[in-house]
Amino acid sequence: MSLEDQIKIISEDFEKATPETIIDILNQIKPHFKSSLISEYLQGKIQKIHDSKDDQEKKNQCKALLPYFDWYLQGL
Protein backbone atom coordinates (compact mmCIF):
# COMPACT_ATOMS: atom_id res chain seq x y z
CA MET A 1 0.00 0.00 0.00
CA SER A 2 1.38 3.37 -0.95
CA LEU A 3 2.05 6.14 1.53
CA GLU A 4 -0.67 8.21 -0.10
CA ASP A 5 -3.19 5.38 0.39
CA GLN A 6 -2.21 4.97 4.04
CA ILE A 7 -2.68 8.71 4.63
CA LYS A 8 -6.11 8.68 3.00
CA ILE A 9 -7.25 5.72 5.10
CA ILE A 10 -6.15 7.37 8.35
CA SER A 11 -7.64 10.71 7.34
CA GLU A 12 -10.99 9.06 6.62
CA ASP A 13 -11.12 7.07 9.87
CA PHE A 14 -8.71 8.64 12.33
CA GLU A 15 -10.21 6.91 15.38
CA LYS A 16 -9.13 3.45 14.18
CA ALA A 17 -5.51 4.47 13.64
CA THR A 18 -2.97 3.85 16.37
CA PRO A 19 -0.52 6.56 17.42
CA GLU A 20 2.31 4.26 16.32
CA THR A 21 0.89 4.01 12.79
CA ILE A 22 0.45 7.78 12.59
CA ILE A 23 4.00 8.35 13.84
CA ASP A 24 5.33 5.89 11.27
CA ILE A 25 3.62 7.81 8.48
CA LEU A 26 4.81 11.16 9.83
CA ASN A 27 8.37 9.82 9.85
CA GLN A 28 7.96 8.84 6.20
CA ILE A 29 6.59 12.28 5.32
CA LYS A 30 9.25 14.23 7.21
CA PRO A 31 12.06 13.95 4.61
CA HIS A 32 9.79 15.37 1.89
CA PHE A 33 9.56 18.84 3.40
CA LYS A 34 11.65 21.42 1.60
CA SER A 35 12.51 23.23 4.82
CA SER A 36 14.69 21.53 7.41
CA LEU A 37 13.02 23.72 10.06
CA ILE A 38 9.67 22.08 9.36
CA SER A 39 11.23 18.61 9.51
CA GLU A 40 12.96 19.45 12.80
CA TYR A 41 9.75 20.89 14.26
CA LEU A 42 7.86 17.76 13.25
CA GLN A 43 10.56 15.57 14.79
CA GLY A 44 10.15 17.44 18.07
CA LYS A 45 6.40 16.85 17.99
CA ILE A 46 6.92 13.16 17.23
CA GLN A 47 9.33 12.87 20.15
CA LYS A 48 6.77 14.51 22.44
CA ILE A 49 4.23 11.87 21.42
CA HIS A 50 6.77 9.10 22.08
CA ASP A 51 7.46 10.54 25.53
CA SER A 52 3.79 10.72 26.51
CA LYS A 53 2.57 7.91 28.76
CA ASP A 54 -1.14 8.46 28.25
CA ASP A 55 -2.66 6.87 25.12
CA GLN A 56 -5.45 9.44 24.89
CA GLU A 57 -2.91 12.26 25.06
CA LYS A 58 -0.88 10.57 22.30
CA LYS A 59 -4.00 10.37 20.15
CA ASN A 60 -4.81 14.06 20.76
CA GLN A 61 -1.27 15.08 19.85
CA CYS A 62 -1.42 12.96 16.69
CA LYS A 63 -4.71 14.58 15.70
CA ALA A 64 -3.03 17.99 15.89
CA LEU A 65 -0.50 16.80 13.29
CA LEU A 66 -3.05 15.73 10.67
CA PRO A 67 -2.44 18.90 8.60
CA TYR A 68 0.93 17.37 7.66
CA PHE A 69 -1.02 14.59 5.94
CA ASP A 70 -2.97 17.16 3.95
CA TRP A 71 0.21 19.00 2.97
CA TYR A 72 1.75 15.77 1.75
CA LEU A 73 -1.31 14.89 -0.32
CA GLN A 74 -1.34 18.39 -1.84
CA GLY A 75 2.29 18.04 -2.91
CA LEU A 76 3.91 19.91 -0.02
C-alpha atoms as a PDB file:
ATOM      1  CA  MET A   1       0.000   0.000   0.000  1.00  0.00           C
ATOM      2  CA  SER A   2       1.381   3.374  -0.950  1.00  0.00           C
ATOM      3  CA  LEU A   3       2.054   6.137   1.531  1.00  0.00           C
ATOM      4  CA  GLU A   4      -0.670   8.208  -0.098  1.00  0.00           C
ATOM      5  CA  ASP A   5      -3.193   5.378   0.389  1.00  0.00           C
ATOM      6  CA  GLN A   6      -2.212   4.973   4.039  1.00  0.00           C
ATOM      7  CA  ILE A   7      -2.678   8.705   4.632  1.00  0.00           C
ATOM      8  CA  LYS A   8      -6.106   8.681   2.998  1.00  0.00           C
ATOM      9  CA  ILE A   9      -7.249   5.722   5.098  1.00  0.00           C
ATOM     10  CA  ILE A  10      -6.155   7.372   8.350  1.00  0.00           C
ATOM     11  CA  SER A  11      -7.638  10.712   7.336  1.00  0.00           C
ATOM     12  CA  GLU A  12     -10.989   9.060   6.617  1.00  0.00           C
ATOM     13  CA  ASP A  13     -11.120   7.068   9.868  1.00  0.00           C
ATOM     14  CA  PHE A  14      -8.710   8.639  12.327  1.00  0.00           C
ATOM     15  CA  GLU A  15     -10.207   6.908  15.377  1.00  0.00           C
ATOM     16  CA  LYS A  16      -9.134   3.447  14.177  1.00  0.00           C
ATOM     17  CA  ALA A  17      -5.515   4.469  13.644  1.00  0.00           C
ATOM     18  CA  THR A  18      -2.973   3.854  16.375  1.00  0.00           C
ATOM     19  CA  PRO A  19      -0.519   6.563  17.416  1.00  0.00           C
ATOM     20  CA  GLU A  20       2.310   4.256  16.320  1.00  0.00           C
ATOM     21  CA  THR A  21       0.886   4.014  12.791  1.00  0.00           C
ATOM     22  CA  ILE A  22       0.453   7.775  12.594  1.00  0.00           C
ATOM     23  CA  ILE A  23       4.001   8.354  13.839  1.00  0.00           C
ATOM     24  CA  ASP A  24       5.335   5.894  11.266  1.00  0.00           C
ATOM     25  CA  ILE A  25       3.620   7.807   8.476  1.00  0.00           C
ATOM     26  CA  LEU A  26       4.807  11.160   9.834  1.00  0.00           C
ATOM     27  CA  ASN A  27       8.367   9.819   9.852  1.00  0.00           C
ATOM     28  CA  GLN A  28       7.961   8.844   6.202  1.00  0.00           C
ATOM     29  CA  ILE A  29       6.585  12.284   5.318  1.00  0.00           C
ATOM     30  CA  LYS A  30       9.248  14.235   7.207  1.00  0.00           C
ATOM     31  CA  PRO A  31      12.061  13.946   4.605  1.00  0.00           C
ATOM     32  CA  HIS A  32       9.791  15.366   1.889  1.00  0.00           C
ATOM     33  CA  PHE A  33       9.557  18.837   3.397  1.00  0.00           C
ATOM     34  CA  LYS A  34      11.651  21.421   1.601  1.00  0.00           C
ATOM     35  CA  SER A  35      12.515  23.231   4.817  1.00  0.00           C
ATOM     36  CA  SER A  36      14.694  21.534   7.414  1.00  0.00           C
ATOM     37  CA  LEU A  37      13.024  23.716  10.063  1.00  0.00           C
ATOM     38  CA  ILE A  38       9.675  22.076   9.364  1.00  0.00           C
ATOM     39  CA  SER A  39      11.228  18.614   9.513  1.00  0.00           C
ATOM     40  CA  GLU A  40      12.963  19.452  12.795  1.00  0.00           C
ATOM     41  CA  TYR A  41       9.754  20.894  14.260  1.00  0.00           C
ATOM     42  CA  LEU A  42       7.856  17.758  13.249  1.00  0.00           C
ATOM     43  CA  GLN A  43      10.561  15.568  14.791  1.00  0.00           C
ATOM     44  CA  GLY A  44      10.150  17.444  18.070  1.00  0.00           C
ATOM     45  CA  LYS A  45       6.398  16.854  17.993  1.00  0.00           C
ATOM     46  CA  ILE A  46       6.923  13.161  17.231  1.00  0.00           C
ATOM     47  CA  GLN A  47       9.331  12.874  20.148  1.00  0.00           C
ATOM     48  CA  LYS A  48       6.773  14.513  22.443  1.00  0.00           C
ATOM     49  CA  ILE A  49       4.229  11.871  21.416  1.00  0.00           C
ATOM     50  CA  HIS A  50       6.766   9.101  22.078  1.00  0.00           C
ATOM     51  CA  ASP A  51       7.458  10.544  25.532  1.00  0.00           C
ATOM     52  CA  SER A  52       3.791  10.716  26.510  1.00  0.00           C
ATOM     53  CA  LYS A  53       2.574   7.906  28.760  1.00  0.00           C
ATOM     54  CA  ASP A  54      -1.144   8.457  28.247  1.00  0.00           C
ATOM     55  CA  ASP A  55      -2.660   6.868  25.125  1.00  0.00           C
ATOM     56  CA  GLN A  56      -5.449   9.441  24.887  1.00  0.00           C
ATOM     57  CA  GLU A  57      -2.909  12.256  25.064  1.00  0.00           C
ATOM     58  CA  LYS A  58      -0.883  10.569  22.297  1.00  0.00           C
ATOM     59  CA  LYS A  59      -4.001  10.371  20.150  1.00  0.00           C
ATOM     60  CA  ASN A  60      -4.806  14.056  20.760  1.00  0.00           C
ATOM     61  CA  GLN A  61      -1.270  15.079  19.850  1.00  0.00           C
ATOM     62  CA  CYS A  62      -1.424  12.960  16.686  1.00  0.00           C
ATOM     63  CA  LYS A  63      -4.709  14.584  15.702  1.00  0.00           C
ATOM     64  CA  ALA A  64      -3.027  17.993  15.888  1.00  0.00           C
ATOM     65  CA  LEU A  65      -0.501  16.801  13.291  1.00  0.00           C
ATOM     66  CA  LEU A  66      -3.053  15.730  10.670  1.00  0.00           C
ATOM     67  CA  PRO A  67      -2.443  18.904   8.601  1.00  0.00           C
ATOM     68  CA  TYR A  68       0.927  17.365   7.663  1.00  0.00           C
ATOM     69  CA  PHE A  69      -1.021  14.585   5.941  1.00  0.00           C
ATOM     70  CA  ASP A  70      -2.973  17.163   3.947  1.00  0.00           C
ATOM     71  CA  TRP A  71       0.210  18.999   2.969  1.00  0.00           C
ATOM     72  CA  TYR A  72       1.755  15.773   1.752  1.00  0.00           C
ATOM     73  CA  LEU A  73      -1.313  14.889  -0.319  1.00  0.00           C
ATOM     74  CA  GLN A  74      -1.341  18.392  -1.838  1.00  0.00           C
ATOM     75  CA  GLY A  75       2.286  18.040  -2.908  1.00  0.00           C
ATOM     76  CA  LEU A  76       3.906  19.908  -0.018  1.00  0.00           C
END
